């Protein structure tokens, strides 16, 4: 995901939704970067480590639903970290 100053959340959410609509959710993996002290909660609140769960994910859940977001956040990374697909299909509505 690009930092907010580069793209608004709405643009990123639309891109994620488009990937899901094309049936390509299995190829989607979210990531983030907090590289500066000013971006961490302890040095200035949002954005930072809390930005994803407190601001971005609620908007994504509203748009795609809890099951799809859970799949994107848990199953997709588990497959990547295991070095192989999880074997689980994406939830209905994500394809």
PDB file of N, CA and C in Angstrom:
ATOM      1  N   UNK A   1       0.839  -1.172   0.000  1.00  0.00           N
ATOM      2  CA  UNK A   1       0.000   0.000   0.000  1.00  0.00           C
ATOM      3  C   UNK A   1       0.883   1.233   0.000  1.00  0.00           C
ATOM      4  N   UNK A   2       0.496   2.198  -0.756  1.00  0.00           N
ATOM      5  CA  UNK A   2       1.229   3.455  -0.759  1.00  0.00           C
ATOM      6  C   UNK A   2       0.858   4.266   0.469  1.00  0.00           C
ATOM      7  N   UNK A   3       1.776   5.089   0.882  1.00  0.00           N
ATOM      8  CA  UNK A   3       1.444   5.977   2.001  1.00  0.00           C
ATOM      9  C   UNK A   3       0.327   6.911   1.587  1.00  0.00           C
ATOM     10  N   UNK A   4      -0.425   7.358   2.543  1.00  0.00           N
ATOM     11  CA  UNK A   4      -1.606   8.169   2.269  1.00  0.00           C
ATOM     12  C   UNK A   4      -1.296   9.405   1.431  1.00  0.00           C
ATOM     13  N   UNK A   5      -0.158  10.015   1.624  1.00  0.00           N
ATOM     14  CA  UNK A   5       0.122  11.232   0.866  1.00  0.00           C
ATOM     15  C   UNK A   5       0.256  10.943  -0.625  1.00  0.00           C
ATOM     16  N   UNK A   6       0.530   9.694  -0.974  1.00  0.00           N
ATOM     17  CA  UNK A   6       0.671   9.330  -2.378  1.00  0.00           C
ATOM     18  C   UNK A   6      -0.658   8.923  -2.999  1.00  0.00           C
ATOM     19  N   UNK A   7      -1.485   8.239  -2.240  1.00  0.00           N
ATOM     20  CA  UNK A   7      -2.808   7.825  -2.701  1.00  0.00           C
ATOM     21  C   UNK A   7      -3.741   7.816  -1.509  1.00  0.00           C
ATOM     22  N   UNK A   8      -4.962   8.279  -1.692  1.00  0.00           N
ATOM     23  CA  UNK A   8      -5.908   8.215  -0.575  1.00  0.00           C
ATOM     24  C   UNK A   8      -6.360   6.779  -0.338  1.00  0.00           C
ATOM     25  N   UNK A   9      -6.836   6.514   0.867  1.00  0.00           N
ATOM     26  CA  UNK A   9      -7.345   5.178   1.193  1.00  0.00           C
ATOM     27  C   UNK A   9      -8.399   4.722   0.204  1.00  0.00           C
ATOM     28  N   UNK A  10      -9.255   5.630  -0.214  1.00  0.00           N
ATOM     29  CA  UNK A  10     -10.341   5.245  -1.121  1.00  0.00           C
ATOM     30  C   UNK A  10      -9.799   4.661  -2.422  1.00  0.00           C
ATOM     31  N   UNK A  11      -8.708   5.201  -2.948  1.00  0.00           N
ATOM     32  CA  UNK A  11      -8.119   4.670  -4.179  1.00  0.00           C
ATOM     33  C   UNK A  11      -7.546   3.279  -3.952  1.00  0.00           C
ATOM     34  N   UNK A  12      -6.886   3.073  -2.819  1.00  0.00           N
ATOM     35  CA  UNK A  12      -6.330   1.756  -2.516  1.00  0.00           C
ATOM     36  C   UNK A  12      -7.430   0.724  -2.320  1.00  0.00           C
ATOM     37  N   UNK A  13      -8.493   1.110  -1.645  1.00  0.00           N
ATOM     38  CA  UNK A  13      -9.605   0.190  -1.411  1.00  0.00           C
ATOM     39  C   UNK A  13     -10.271  -0.169  -2.732  1.00  0.00           C
ATOM     40  N   UNK A  14     -10.416   0.794  -3.628  1.00  0.00           N
ATOM     41  CA  UNK A  14     -10.987   0.510  -4.946  1.00  0.00           C
ATOM     42  C   UNK A  14     -10.112  -0.466  -5.722  1.00  0.00           C
ATOM     43  N   UNK A  15      -8.798  -0.322  -5.639  1.00  0.00           N
ATOM     44  CA  UNK A  15      -7.891  -1.250  -6.320  1.00  0.00           C
ATOM     45  C   UNK A  15      -8.007  -2.660  -5.747  1.00  0.00           C
ATOM     46  N   UNK A  16      -8.065  -2.776  -4.437  1.00  0.00           N
ATOM     47  CA  UNK A  16      -8.216  -4.085  -3.794  1.00  0.00           C
ATOM     48  C   UNK A  16      -9.546  -4.709  -4.198  1.00  0.00           C
ATOM     49  N   UNK A  17     -10.594  -3.910  -4.210  1.00  0.00           N
ATOM     50  CA  UNK A  17     -11.912  -4.402  -4.617  1.00  0.00           C
ATOM     51  C   UNK A  17     -11.887  -4.875  -6.071  1.00  0.00           C
ATOM     52  N   UNK A  18     -11.198  -4.165  -6.937  1.00  0.00           N
ATOM     53  CA  UNK A  18     -11.098  -4.559  -8.343  1.00  0.00           C
ATOM     54  C   UNK A  18     -10.355  -5.879  -8.499  1.00  0.00           C
ATOM     55  N   UNK A  19      -9.286  -6.071  -7.731  1.00  0.00           N
ATOM     56  CA  UNK A  19      -8.552  -7.341  -7.768  1.00  0.00           C
ATOM     57  C   UNK A  19      -9.474  -8.485  -7.363  1.00  0.00           C
ATOM     58  N   UNK A  20     -10.243  -8.279  -6.305  1.00  0.00           N
ATOM     59  CA  UNK A  20     -11.187  -9.305  -5.845  1.00  0.00           C
ATOM     60  C   UNK A  20     -12.262  -9.573  -6.894  1.00  0.00           C
ATOM     61  N   UNK A  21     -12.772  -8.524  -7.522  1.00  0.00           N
ATOM     62  CA  UNK A  21     -13.828  -8.668  -8.529  1.00  0.00           C
ATOM     63  C   UNK A  21     -13.342  -9.430  -9.756  1.00  0.00           C
ATOM     64  N   UNK A  22     -12.055  -9.354 -10.042  1.00  0.00           N
ATOM     65  CA  UNK A  22     -11.482 -10.070 -11.181  1.00  0.00           C
ATOM     66  C   UNK A  22     -11.126 -11.517 -10.841  1.00  0.00           C
ATOM     67  N   UNK A  23     -11.435 -11.938  -9.611  1.00  0.00           N
ATOM     68  CA  UNK A  23     -11.133 -13.306  -9.209  1.00  0.00           C
ATOM     69  C   UNK A  23      -9.663 -13.546  -8.931  1.00  0.00           C
ATOM     70  N   UNK A  24      -8.948 -12.502  -8.589  1.00  0.00           N
ATOM     71  CA  UNK A  24      -7.499 -12.604  -8.396  1.00  0.00           C
ATOM     72  C   UNK A  24      -7.089 -12.421  -6.943  1.00  0.00           C
ATOM     73  N   UNK A  25      -8.016 -12.626  -6.020  1.00  0.00           N
ATOM     74  CA  UNK A  25      -7.715 -12.394  -4.607  1.00  0.00           C
ATOM     75  C   UNK A  25      -6.544 -13.247  -4.122  1.00  0.00           C
ATOM     76  N   UNK A  26      -6.364 -14.431  -4.709  1.00  0.00           N
ATOM     77  CA  UNK A  26      -5.257 -15.291  -4.286  1.00  0.00           C
ATOM     78  C   UNK A  26      -3.895 -14.670  -4.569  1.00  0.00           C
ATOM     79  N   UNK A  27      -3.865 -13.651  -5.420  1.00  0.00           N
ATOM     80  CA  UNK A  27      -2.616 -12.982  -5.774  1.00  0.00           C
ATOM     81  C   UNK A  27      -2.408 -11.687  -4.997  1.00  0.00           C
ATOM     82  N   UNK A  28      -3.264 -11.436  -4.031  1.00  0.00           N
ATOM     83  CA  UNK A  28      -3.234 -10.185  -3.286  1.00  0.00           C
ATOM     84  C   UNK A  28      -2.561 -10.385  -1.931  1.00  0.00           C
ATOM     85  N   UNK A  29      -1.606  -9.534  -1.632  1.00  0.00           N
ATOM     86  CA  UNK A  29      -0.942  -9.550  -0.334  1.00  0.00           C
ATOM     87  C   UNK A  29      -0.703  -8.103   0.074  1.00  0.00           C
ATOM     88  N   UNK A  30      -1.223  -7.724   1.223  1.00  0.00           N
ATOM     89  CA  UNK A  30      -1.068  -6.354   1.704  1.00  0.00           C
ATOM     90  C   UNK A  30       0.204  -6.222   2.523  1.00  0.00           C
ATOM     91  N   UNK A  31       0.786  -5.061   2.478  1.00  0.00           N
ATOM     92  CA  UNK A  31       1.958  -4.774   3.285  1.00  0.00           C
ATOM     93  C   UNK A  31       1.973  -3.299   3.636  1.00  0.00           C
ATOM     94  N   UNK A  32       2.795  -2.939   4.547  1.00  0.00           N
ATOM     95  CA  UNK A  32       2.889  -1.545   4.945  1.00  0.00           C
ATOM     96  C   UNK A  32       4.305  -1.223   5.360  1.00  0.00           C
ATOM     97  N   UNK A  33       4.557   0.038   5.571  1.00  0.00           N
ATOM     98  CA  UNK A  33       5.896   0.474   5.924  1.00  0.00           C
ATOM     99  C   UNK A  33       5.798   1.627   6.917  1.00  0.00           C
ATOM    100  N   UNK A  34       6.497   1.513   7.996  1.00  0.00           N
ATOM    101  CA  UNK A  34       6.612   2.598   8.969  1.00  0.00           C
ATOM    102  C   UNK A  34       8.108   2.820   9.150  1.00  0.00           C
ATOM    103  N   UNK A  35       8.656   3.705   8.336  1.00  0.00           N
ATOM    104  CA  UNK A  35      10.099   3.859   8.295  1.00  0.00           C
ATOM    105  C   UNK A  35      10.627   5.041   9.093  1.00  0.00           C
ATOM    106  N   UNK A  36       9.763   5.945   9.477  1.00  0.00           N
ATOM    107  CA  UNK A  36      10.229   7.137  10.182  1.00  0.00           C
ATOM    108  C   UNK A  36       9.637   7.197  11.577  1.00  0.00           C
ATOM    109  N   UNK A  37      10.393   7.776  12.483  1.00  0.00           N
ATOM    110  CA  UNK A  37       9.869   7.921  13.844  1.00  0.00           C
ATOM    111  C   UNK A  37       8.559   8.693  13.860  1.00  0.00           C
ATOM    112  N   UNK A  38       8.414   9.661  12.981  1.00  0.00           N
ATOM    113  CA  UNK A  38       7.190  10.468  12.954  1.00  0.00           C
ATOM    114  C   UNK A  38       5.972   9.651  12.541  1.00  0.00           C
ATOM    115  N   UNK A  39       6.186   8.451  12.003  1.00  0.00           N
ATOM    116  CA  UNK A  39       5.078   7.616  11.555  1.00  0.00           C
ATOM    117  C   UNK A  39       4.661   6.577  12.590  1.00  0.00           C
ATOM    118  N   UNK A  40       5.297   6.548  13.717  1.00  0.00           N
ATOM    119  CA  UNK A  40       4.936   5.572  14.737  1.00  0.00           C
ATOM    120  C   UNK A  40       4.030   6.205  15.769  1.00  0.00           C
ATOM    121  N   UNK A  41       3.224   5.405  16.402  1.00  0.00           N
ATOM    122  CA  UNK A  41       2.253   5.908  17.372  1.00  0.00           C
ATOM    123  C   UNK A  41       2.939   6.699  18.479  1.00  0.00           C
ATOM    124  N   UNK A  42       4.064   6.224  18.958  1.00  0.00           N
ATOM    125  CA  UNK A  42       4.750   6.888  20.054  1.00  0.00           C
ATOM    126  C   UNK A  42       5.293   8.259  19.700  1.00  0.00           C
ATOM    127  N   UNK A  43       5.407   8.556  18.411  1.00  0.00           N
ATOM    128  CA  UNK A  43       5.985   9.828  17.988  1.00  0.00           C
ATOM    129  C   UNK A  43       5.020  10.707  17.209  1.00  0.00           C
ATOM    130  N   UNK A  44       3.753  10.415  17.253  1.00  0.00           N
ATOM    131  CA  UNK A  44       2.848  11.307  16.533  1.00  0.00           C
ATOM    132  C   UNK A  44       1.536  10.673  16.117  1.00  0.00           C
ATOM    133  N   UNK A  45       1.176   9.576  16.715  1.00  0.00           N
ATOM    134  CA  UNK A  45      -0.097   8.913  16.448  1.00  0.00           C
ATOM    135  C   UNK A  45      -0.186   8.452  15.003  1.00  0.00           C
ATOM    136  N   UNK A  46      -1.268   8.764  14.304  1.00  0.00           N
ATOM    137  CA  UNK A  46      -1.493   8.217  12.971  1.00  0.00           C
ATOM    138  C   UNK A  46      -0.726   9.016  11.935  1.00  0.00           C
ATOM    139  N   UNK A  47      -0.266   8.475  10.833  1.00  0.00           N
ATOM    140  CA  UNK A  47      -0.231   7.059  10.553  1.00  0.00           C
ATOM    141  C   UNK A  47       0.844   6.382  11.375  1.00  0.00           C
ATOM    142  N   UNK A  48       0.901   5.130  11.327  1.00  0.00           N
ATOM    143  CA  UNK A  48       1.849   4.358  12.105  1.00  0.00           C
ATOM    144  C   UNK A  48       1.348   2.941  12.219  1.00  0.00           C
ATOM    145  N   UNK A  49       1.851   2.239  13.204  1.00  0.00           N
ATOM    146  CA  UNK A  49       1.466   0.842  13.368  1.00  0.00           C
ATOM    147  C   UNK A  49      -0.035   0.697  13.612  1.00  0.00           C
ATOM    148  N   UNK A  50      -0.658   1.671  14.237  1.00  0.00           N
ATOM    149  CA  UNK A  50      -2.088   1.587  14.541  1.00  0.00           C
ATOM    150  C   UNK A  50      -2.965   2.013  13.368  1.00  0.00           C
ATOM    151  N   UNK A  51      -2.380   2.577  12.334  1.00  0.00           N
ATOM    152  CA  UNK A  51      -3.173   3.081  11.215  1.00  0.00           C
ATOM    153  C   UNK A  51      -3.945   1.970  10.511  1.00  0.00           C
ATOM    154  N   UNK A  52      -3.288   0.865  10.257  1.00  0.00           N
ATOM    155  CA  UNK A  52      -3.938  -0.235   9.536  1.00  0.00           C
ATOM    156  C   UNK A  52      -5.173  -0.751  10.274  1.00  0.00           C
ATOM    157  N   UNK A  53      -5.072  -1.165  11.541  1.00  0.00           N
ATOM    158  CA  UNK A  53      -6.269  -1.690  12.203  1.00  0.00           C
ATOM    159  C   UNK A  53      -7.294  -0.632  12.600  1.00  0.00           C
ATOM    160  N   UNK A  54      -6.854   0.582  12.859  1.00  0.00           N
ATOM    161  CA  UNK A  54      -7.782   1.598  13.359  1.00  0.00           C
ATOM    162  C   UNK A  54      -8.446   2.435  12.277  1.00  0.00           C
ATOM    163  N   UNK A  55      -7.806   2.587  11.143  1.00  0.00           N
ATOM    164  CA  UNK A  55      -8.368   3.453  10.100  1.00  0.00           C
ATOM    165  C   UNK A  55      -8.637   2.715   8.798  1.00  0.00           C
ATOM    166  N   UNK A  56      -7.655   1.961   8.303  1.00  0.00           N
ATOM    167  CA  UNK A  56      -7.786   1.362   6.974  1.00  0.00           C
ATOM    168  C   UNK A  56      -8.683   0.126   6.972  1.00  0.00           C
ATOM    169  N   UNK A  57      -8.451  -0.794   7.881  1.00  0.00           N
ATOM    170  CA  UNK A  57      -9.217  -2.048   7.876  1.00  0.00           C
ATOM    171  C   UNK A  57     -10.714  -1.868   8.103  1.00  0.00           C
ATOM    172  N   UNK A  58     -11.157  -0.962   8.971  1.00  0.00           N
ATOM    173  CA  UNK A  58     -12.607  -0.764   9.080  1.00  0.00           C
ATOM    174  C   UNK A  58     -13.244  -0.348   7.749  1.00  0.00           C
ATOM    175  N   UNK A  59     -12.563   0.479   6.996  1.00  0.00           N
ATOM    176  CA  UNK A  59     -13.083   0.896   5.685  1.00  0.00           C
ATOM    177  C   UNK A  59     -13.087  -0.273   4.705  1.00  0.00           C
ATOM    178  N   UNK A  60     -12.039  -1.077   4.752  1.00  0.00           N
ATOM    179  CA  UNK A  60     -11.961  -2.240   3.866  1.00  0.00           C
ATOM    180  C   UNK A  60     -13.040  -3.259   4.215  1.00  0.00           C
ATOM    181  N   UNK A  61     -13.271  -3.493   5.510  1.00  0.00           N
ATOM    182  CA  UNK A  61     -14.332  -4.423   5.943  1.00  0.00           C
ATOM    183  C   UNK A  61     -15.703  -3.945   5.491  1.00  0.00           C
ATOM    184  N   UNK A  62     -15.944  -2.655   5.581  1.00  0.00           N
ATOM    185  CA  UNK A  62     -17.229  -2.106   5.145  1.00  0.00           C
ATOM    186  C   UNK A  62     -17.446  -2.369   3.658  1.00  0.00           C
ATOM    187  N   UNK A  63     -16.401  -2.271   2.885  1.00  0.00           N
ATOM    188  CA  UNK A  63     -16.505  -2.414   1.428  1.00  0.00           C
ATOM    189  C   UNK A  63     -16.541  -3.869   0.980  1.00  0.00           C
ATOM    190  N   UNK A  64     -15.728  -4.741   1.601  1.00  0.00           N
ATOM    191  CA  UNK A  64     -15.578  -6.116   1.117  1.00  0.00           C
ATOM    192  C   UNK A  64     -16.197  -7.167   2.018  1.00  0.00           C
ATOM    193  N   UNK A  65     -16.440  -6.838   3.264  1.00  0.00           N
ATOM    194  CA  UNK A  65     -16.993  -7.806   4.202  1.00  0.00           C
ATOM    195  C   UNK A  65     -15.910  -8.456   5.041  1.00  0.00           C
ATOM    196  N   UNK A  66     -16.313  -8.916   6.205  1.00  0.00           N
ATOM    197  CA  UNK A  66     -15.374  -9.478   7.175  1.00  0.00           C
ATOM    198  C   UNK A  66     -14.675 -10.728   6.661  1.00  0.00           C
ATOM    199  N   UNK A  67     -15.394 -11.645   6.023  1.00  0.00           N
ATOM    200  CA  UNK A  67     -14.779 -12.894   5.564  1.00  0.00           C
ATOM    201  C   UNK A  67     -13.693 -12.659   4.530  1.00  0.00           C
ATOM    202  N   UNK A  68     -13.925 -11.746   3.620  1.00  0.00           N
ATOM    203  CA  UNK A  68     -12.928 -11.454   2.590  1.00  0.00           C
ATOM    204  C   UNK A  68     -11.696 -10.812   3.220  1.00  0.00           C
ATOM    205  N   UNK A  69     -11.902  -9.850   4.103  1.00  0.00           N
ATOM    206  CA  UNK A  69     -10.769  -9.180   4.746  1.00  0.00           C
ATOM    207  C   UNK A  69      -9.994 -10.164   5.617  1.00  0.00           C
ATOM    208  N   UNK A  70     -10.695 -11.012   6.318  1.00  0.00           N
ATOM    209  CA  UNK A  70     -10.023 -12.027   7.131  1.00  0.00           C
ATOM    210  C   UNK A  70      -9.160 -12.926   6.247  1.00  0.00           C
ATOM    211  N   UNK A  71      -9.669 -13.296   5.089  1.00  0.00           N
ATOM    212  CA  UNK A  71      -8.893 -14.137   4.168  1.00  0.00           C
ATOM    213  C   UNK A  71      -7.642 -13.397   3.702  1.00  0.00           C
ATOM    214  N   UNK A  72      -7.812 -12.127   3.330  1.00  0.00           N
ATOM    215  CA  UNK A  72      -6.674 -11.332   2.860  1.00  0.00           C
ATOM    216  C   UNK A  72      -5.618 -11.192   3.956  1.00  0.00           C
ATOM    217  N   UNK A  73      -6.052 -10.997   5.194  1.00  0.00           N
ATOM    218  CA  UNK A  73      -5.115 -10.732   6.289  1.00  0.00           C
ATOM    219  C   UNK A  73      -4.508 -11.976   6.909  1.00  0.00           C
ATOM    220  N   UNK A  74      -5.212 -13.092   6.888  1.00  0.00           N
ATOM    221  CA  UNK A  74      -4.731 -14.291   7.572  1.00  0.00           C
ATOM    222  C   UNK A  74      -4.307 -15.401   6.621  1.00  0.00           C
ATOM    223  N   UNK A  75      -5.186 -15.808   5.738  1.00  0.00           N
ATOM    224  CA  UNK A  75      -4.894 -16.960   4.890  1.00  0.00           C
ATOM    225  C   UNK A  75      -3.844 -16.672   3.823  1.00  0.00           C
ATOM    226  N   UNK A  76      -3.947 -15.522   3.171  1.00  0.00           N
ATOM    227  CA  UNK A  76      -2.972 -15.192   2.132  1.00  0.00           C
ATOM    228  C   UNK A  76      -1.551 -15.085   2.698  1.00  0.00           C
ATOM    229  N   UNK A  77      -1.333 -14.328   3.778  1.00  0.00           N
ATOM    230  CA  UNK A  77       0.025 -14.272   4.331  1.00  0.00           C
ATOM    231  C   UNK A  77       0.511 -15.621   4.867  1.00  0.00           C
ATOM    232  N   UNK A  78      -0.385 -16.420   5.427  1.00  0.00           N
ATOM    233  CA  UNK A  78       0.018 -17.739   5.938  1.00  0.00           C
ATOM    234  C   UNK A  78       0.578 -18.591   4.816  1.00  0.00           C
ATOM    235  N   UNK A  79      -0.054 -18.536   3.657  1.00  0.00           N
ATOM    236  CA  UNK A  79       0.441 -19.297   2.511  1.00  0.00           C
ATOM    237  C   UNK A  79       1.800 -18.819   2.048  1.00  0.00           C
ATOM    238  N   UNK A  80       1.981 -17.515   1.998  1.00  0.00           N
ATOM    239  CA  UNK A  80       3.263 -16.960   1.575  1.00  0.00           C
ATOM    240  C   UNK A  80       4.359 -17.328   2.565  1.00  0.00           C
ATOM    241  N   UNK A  81       4.087 -17.177   3.844  1.00  0.00           N
ATOM    242  CA  UNK A  81       5.098 -17.475   4.865  1.00  0.00           C
ATOM    243  C   UNK A  81       5.422 -18.955   4.946  1.00  0.00           C
ATOM    244  N   UNK A  82       4.468 -19.795   4.590  1.00  0.00           N
ATOM    245  CA  UNK A  82       4.707 -21.239   4.587  1.00  0.00           C
ATOM    246  C   UNK A  82       5.433 -21.678   3.316  1.00  0.00           C
ATOM    247  N   UNK A  83       5.530 -20.779   2.356  1.00  0.00           N
ATOM    248  CA  UNK A  83       6.190 -21.123   1.110  1.00  0.00           C
ATOM    249  C   UNK A  83       5.295 -21.865   0.145  1.00  0.00           C
ATOM    250  N   UNK A  84       4.019 -21.948   0.457  1.00  0.00           N
ATOM    251  CA  UNK A  84       3.073 -22.657  -0.403  1.00  0.00           C
ATOM    252  C   UNK A  84       1.684 -22.101  -0.146  1.00  0.00           C
ATOM    253  N   UNK A  85       0.778 -22.290  -1.091  1.00  0.00           N
ATOM    254  CA  UNK A  85      -0.603 -21.866  -0.849  1.00  0.00           C
ATOM    255  C   UNK A  85      -1.190 -22.577   0.360  1.00  0.00           C
ATOM    256  N   UNK A  86      -2.150 -21.937   1.002  1.00  0.00           N
ATOM    257  CA  UNK A  86      -2.776 -22.528   2.179  1.00  0.00           C
ATOM    258  C   UNK A  86      -3.671 -23.691   1.819  1.00  0.00           C
ATOM    259  N   UNK A  87      -4.059 -23.792   0.553  1.00  0.00           N
ATOM    260  CA  UNK A  87      -4.977 -24.844   0.152  1.00  0.00           C
ATOM    261  C   UNK A  87      -6.427 -24.457   0.350  1.00  0.00           C
ATOM    262  N   UNK A  88      -6.653 -23.344   1.012  1.00  0.00           N
ATOM    263  CA  UNK A  88      -8.018 -22.870   1.229  1.00  0.00           C
ATOM    264  C   UNK A  88      -8.423 -21.961   0.092  1.00  0.00           C
ATOM    265  N   UNK A  89      -9.644 -22.098  -0.314  1.00  0.00           N
ATOM    266  CA  UNK A  89     -10.193 -21.227  -1.343  1.00  0.00           C
ATOM    267  C   UNK A  89     -10.599 -19.900  -0.716  1.00  0.00           C
ATOM    268  N   UNK A  90     -10.554 -18.867  -1.505  1.00  0.00           N
ATOM    269  CA  UNK A  90     -11.021 -17.564  -1.051  1.00  0.00           C
ATOM    270  C   UNK A  90     -12.508 -17.647  -0.755  1.00  0.00           C
ATOM    271  N   UNK A  91     -12.988 -16.862   0.187  1.00  0.00           N
ATOM    272  CA  UNK A  91     -14.404 -16.919   0.542  1.00  0.00           C
ATOM    273  C   UNK A  91     -15.295 -16.464  -0.601  1.00  0.00           C
ATOM    274  N   UNK A  92     -16.519 -16.937  -0.578  1.00  0.00           N
ATOM    275  CA  UNK A  92     -17.502 -16.537  -1.579  1.00  0.00           C
ATOM    276  C   UNK A  92     -17.657 -15.024  -1.549  1.00  0.00           C
ATOM    277  N   UNK A  93     -17.761 -14.432  -2.706  1.00  0.00           N
ATOM    278  CA  UNK A  93     -17.867 -12.983  -2.796  1.00  0.00           C
ATOM    279  C   UNK A  93     -16.526 -12.326  -3.057  1.00  0.00           C
ATOM    280  N   UNK A  94     -15.449 -13.069  -2.893  1.00  0.00           N
ATOM    281  CA  UNK A  94     -14.117 -12.524  -3.133  1.00  0.00           C
ATOM    282  C   UNK A  94     -13.660 -12.810  -4.555  1.00  0.00           C
ATOM    283  N   UNK A  95     -14.430 -13.579  -5.286  1.00  0.00           N
ATOM    284  CA  UNK A  95     -14.032 -13.957  -6.640  1.00  0.00           C
ATOM    285  C   UNK A  95     -14.924 -13.338  -7.655  1.00  0.00           C
TER     286      UNK A  95
END
